[in-house]
Protein backbone atom coordinates (compact mmCIF):
# COMPACT_ATOMS: atom_id res chain seq x y z
CA MET A 1 64.86 92.01 139.88
CA THR A 2 68.26 92.68 138.34
CA GLU A 3 71.29 90.79 139.61
CA ALA A 4 73.46 93.19 141.61
CA ARG A 5 77.00 93.61 140.32
CA PRO A 6 79.04 94.43 143.43
CA ASP A 7 82.30 94.52 141.47
CA ALA A 8 81.21 96.76 138.59
CA ARG A 9 81.60 100.54 138.39
CA ARG A 10 79.08 102.45 136.33
CA MET A 11 80.01 105.37 134.11
CA ILE A 12 77.24 107.97 134.11
CA SER A 13 76.97 110.52 131.31
CA ASP A 14 73.20 111.04 131.20
CA PRO A 15 72.38 114.55 132.50
CA GLN A 16 69.14 113.34 134.12
CA VAL A 17 70.99 110.71 136.13
CA MET A 18 73.71 113.19 137.08
CA ARG A 19 71.08 115.67 138.29
CA ALA A 20 69.45 112.88 140.32
CA LEU A 21 72.80 112.17 141.98
CA ALA A 22 73.54 115.82 142.75
CA HIS A 23 71.56 115.71 146.00
CA PRO A 24 73.31 115.35 149.36
CA ALA A 25 70.79 112.79 150.67
CA ARG A 26 71.16 110.64 147.57
CA ILE A 27 74.94 110.76 147.76
CA ALA A 28 74.75 109.69 151.41
CA ILE A 29 72.34 106.87 150.51
CA MET A 30 74.65 105.61 147.77
CA GLU A 31 77.66 105.71 150.10
CA TYR A 32 75.86 103.89 152.89
CA LEU A 33 74.58 101.17 150.58
CA SER A 34 78.05 100.74 149.09
CA SER A 35 79.32 99.84 152.54
CA ARG A 36 76.59 97.32 153.41
CA GLU A 37 76.39 94.00 151.61
CA SER A 38 72.96 93.42 153.14
CA GLY A 39 71.63 96.77 151.91
CA GLY A 40 69.44 99.03 154.00
CA THR A 41 65.85 100.03 154.63
CA ALA A 42 64.41 103.52 154.29
CA THR A 43 64.17 103.69 158.09
CA GLU A 44 67.86 102.77 158.51
CA LEU A 45 68.89 105.19 155.79
CA ALA A 46 66.72 107.98 157.22
CA GLU A 47 68.97 108.06 160.29
CA ILE A 48 72.04 108.39 158.05
CA VAL A 49 70.67 111.18 155.85
CA GLY A 50 68.73 113.03 158.54
CA LEU A 51 65.35 112.80 156.84
CA SER A 52 62.09 111.04 157.57
CA PRO A 53 61.67 107.46 156.31
CA SER A 54 59.06 108.65 153.81
CA ALA A 55 61.38 111.35 152.41
CA THR A 56 64.18 108.80 152.26
CA SER A 57 61.87 106.39 150.40
CA TYR A 58 61.25 109.13 147.85
CA HIS A 59 65.00 109.47 147.25
CA LEU A 60 65.40 105.68 147.02
CA ARG A 61 62.66 105.49 144.39
CA ALA A 62 64.33 108.30 142.43
CA LEU A 63 67.64 106.40 142.50
CA ALA A 64 65.84 103.21 141.47
CA LYS A 65 64.21 105.02 138.54
CA PHE A 66 67.70 105.55 137.09
CA GLY A 67 68.92 102.02 137.79
CA LEU A 68 71.27 102.94 140.63
CA VAL A 69 69.53 101.00 143.41
CA GLU A 70 66.93 98.26 143.54
CA ALA A 71 64.75 96.44 146.01
CA ALA A 72 66.77 93.58 147.53
CA PRO A 73 65.63 90.30 149.03
CA SER A 74 64.14 90.69 152.49
CA ARG A 75 66.35 89.97 155.49
CA GLY A 76 63.64 87.88 157.14
CA ASP A 77 60.80 90.31 157.81
CA ALA A 78 58.75 90.36 154.63
CA ARG A 79 57.24 93.70 155.67
CA GLU A 80 60.54 95.58 155.41
CA ARG A 81 61.75 96.81 152.05
CA VAL A 82 65.49 96.47 151.69
CA TRP A 83 67.42 98.40 149.07
CA ARG A 84 70.83 97.70 147.56
CA LEU A 85 73.18 99.19 145.00
CA LEU A 86 73.40 97.75 141.53
CA THR A 87 77.10 98.59 141.17
CA ALA A 88 80.12 98.91 143.44
CA GLY A 89 80.55 102.53 142.47
CA TRP A 90 79.99 105.10 139.83
CA MET A 91 81.77 107.86 137.98
CA VAL A 92 80.32 110.80 136.10
CA ASP A 93 81.67 112.09 132.82
CA ALA A 94 79.58 114.26 130.56
CA GLY A 95 82.19 113.84 127.84
CA ARG A 96 84.34 116.34 126.02
CA GLU A 97 81.62 117.14 123.48
CA ALA A 98 78.85 117.59 126.07
CA GLY A 99 76.44 120.45 125.75
CA PRO A 100 75.66 123.05 128.40
CA ALA A 101 72.93 121.00 130.13
CA ALA A 102 75.17 117.96 130.53
CA ARG A 103 78.08 120.12 131.71
CA ALA A 104 75.84 121.82 134.29
CA ALA A 105 74.59 118.44 135.54
CA GLU A 106 78.15 117.12 135.82
CA GLN A 107 79.22 120.28 137.66
CA ALA A 108 76.32 119.88 140.12
CA VAL A 109 77.46 116.35 141.03
CA VAL A 110 81.10 117.44 141.35
CA GLU A 111 80.14 120.34 143.62
CA ALA A 112 77.87 118.14 145.77
CA HIS A 113 80.73 115.67 146.27
CA ALA A 114 83.25 118.42 146.96
CA LEU A 115 80.96 119.88 149.63
CA ARG A 116 80.50 116.43 151.21
CA GLY A 117 84.26 115.94 151.25
CA MET A 118 84.85 119.36 152.81
CA GLU A 119 82.26 118.63 155.50
CA ARG A 120 84.08 115.41 156.35
CA ILE A 121 87.33 117.33 156.73
CA ARG A 122 85.64 119.94 158.92
CA ASP A 123 84.05 117.21 161.04
CA TRP A 124 87.43 115.54 161.54
CA SER A 125 89.06 118.85 162.44
CA ARG A 126 86.39 119.55 165.07
CA ARG A 127 86.74 116.16 166.78
CA ALA A 128 90.38 115.24 166.05
CA GLY A 129 91.56 116.14 169.54
CA ASP A 130 89.09 113.65 171.03
CA GLU A 131 90.20 110.78 168.80
CA PRO A 132 92.47 107.98 170.06
CA ALA A 133 96.16 108.63 169.33
CA GLU A 134 96.33 105.67 166.95
CA TRP A 135 93.81 107.41 164.66
CA TYR A 136 94.89 111.00 165.32
CA ASP A 137 98.49 110.19 164.40
CA LYS A 138 97.54 108.39 161.18
CA ALA A 139 95.18 110.96 159.66
CA LEU A 140 96.87 112.81 156.80
CA PHE A 141 96.28 116.01 154.90
CA ASN A 142 98.46 116.35 151.86
CA ASP A 143 98.25 118.89 149.08
CA SER A 144 100.92 118.52 146.43
CA LEU A 145 101.56 120.42 143.23
CA LEU A 146 103.35 118.12 140.79
CA LEU A 147 104.84 118.81 137.39
CA LEU A 148 103.62 115.94 135.18
CA THR A 149 102.92 115.01 131.59
CA ALA A 150 99.49 113.65 130.73
CA GLU A 151 101.01 110.16 130.51
CA GLU A 152 102.65 110.52 133.95
CA LEU A 153 99.34 111.70 135.39
CA ALA A 154 97.63 108.61 133.98
CA GLU A 155 100.33 106.40 135.53
CA LEU A 156 100.03 108.17 138.89
CA ASN A 157 96.24 107.80 138.90
CA GLU A 158 96.43 104.10 138.10
CA ALA A 159 99.09 103.51 140.78
CA VAL A 160 97.08 105.27 143.48
CA LEU A 161 93.83 103.54 142.49
CA ALA A 162 95.66 100.20 142.51
CA LEU A 163 96.78 100.91 146.09
CA LEU A 164 93.18 101.62 147.15
CA ARG A 165 91.54 98.68 145.34
CA PRO A 166 92.24 95.94 147.92
CA TYR A 167 90.44 97.89 150.63
CA HIS A 168 87.15 98.43 148.76
CA PRO A 169 85.74 94.89 148.94
CA ARG A 170 86.67 94.59 152.61
CA ARG A 171 83.90 97.04 153.54
CA ARG A 172 81.25 95.00 151.76
CA GLN A 173 82.33 91.55 152.91
CA GLY A 174 80.84 92.01 156.37
CA ASP A 175 83.92 90.77 158.25
CA PRO A 176 86.35 93.68 158.55
CA PRO A 177 89.50 93.30 160.65
CA PRO A 178 89.18 94.21 164.35
CA GLY A 179 89.39 97.95 164.89
CA ALA A 180 88.58 98.83 161.26
CA ARG A 181 86.79 102.13 160.64
CA THR A 182 85.46 103.70 157.49
CA VAL A 183 88.06 106.18 156.27
CA ALA A 184 87.36 108.86 153.67
CA VAL A 185 90.13 109.03 151.09
CA HIS A 186 89.88 112.09 148.86
CA TYR A 187 92.04 111.73 145.79
CA ARG A 188 91.73 114.24 143.00
CA THR A 189 94.10 115.15 140.24
CA VAL A 190 93.20 118.21 138.22
CA PRO A 191 95.51 120.10 135.87
CA LEU A 192 95.82 123.77 136.82
CA ALA A 193 95.40 126.57 134.31
C-alpha cells in the first residue's frame, strides 16, 4: 500500500488517466474522498454518486488502476473495503505540444468539470430561497472581465489561490468550525480571443 500524500497535488497529462477522470461518477468520488480523511466505502460512495455499490466499486477500481485512489486501512470492520485518495488534489494539463488524443482527453475532463460546476449553480439557484439568511446573503456570483498582462494574470491566480489555501486542509482534518458547510468555489481565468 502506498503512503497517502494528503498535501500533494498531482499533475495529470496522460490521456488515459484524463479519460478515466472525465466521468461524472469518478469526479464525484474524487471530490467526496478529498473531503474525508477517513476515506469511504463503495456503499457510502454509491449514495453520493447515485449508483449501485457494485457500479461504484467498478469506478473505484478504475481510479485505483491509475494511482488516484487506493484501498485504505479498515475503520474497524475488516469486511469493509475503505478507499482513500493518494493526493490532496489534481490538475490536468495535456501540454502545449499535445497531440489530438491528449487534447481531446483534456477537453473531456474540462467539460465534465464545467458541467458539474453548472449543476451546482443550478442547484443553488433552485433552493436559494429556502436557505438561511446567513448563507443566502453570503453566496456570490461574480463575472469580471479584466484587462491584464500574462504576468498580472499569474499574480492574480497566485493571490486568489493563496486566499483559498488555508481552507482546504480544514475539510480533511475532521474538526471543522461549528456551522461550517462545504462551499463550491469556482475560479477560472481564461484569456478571451
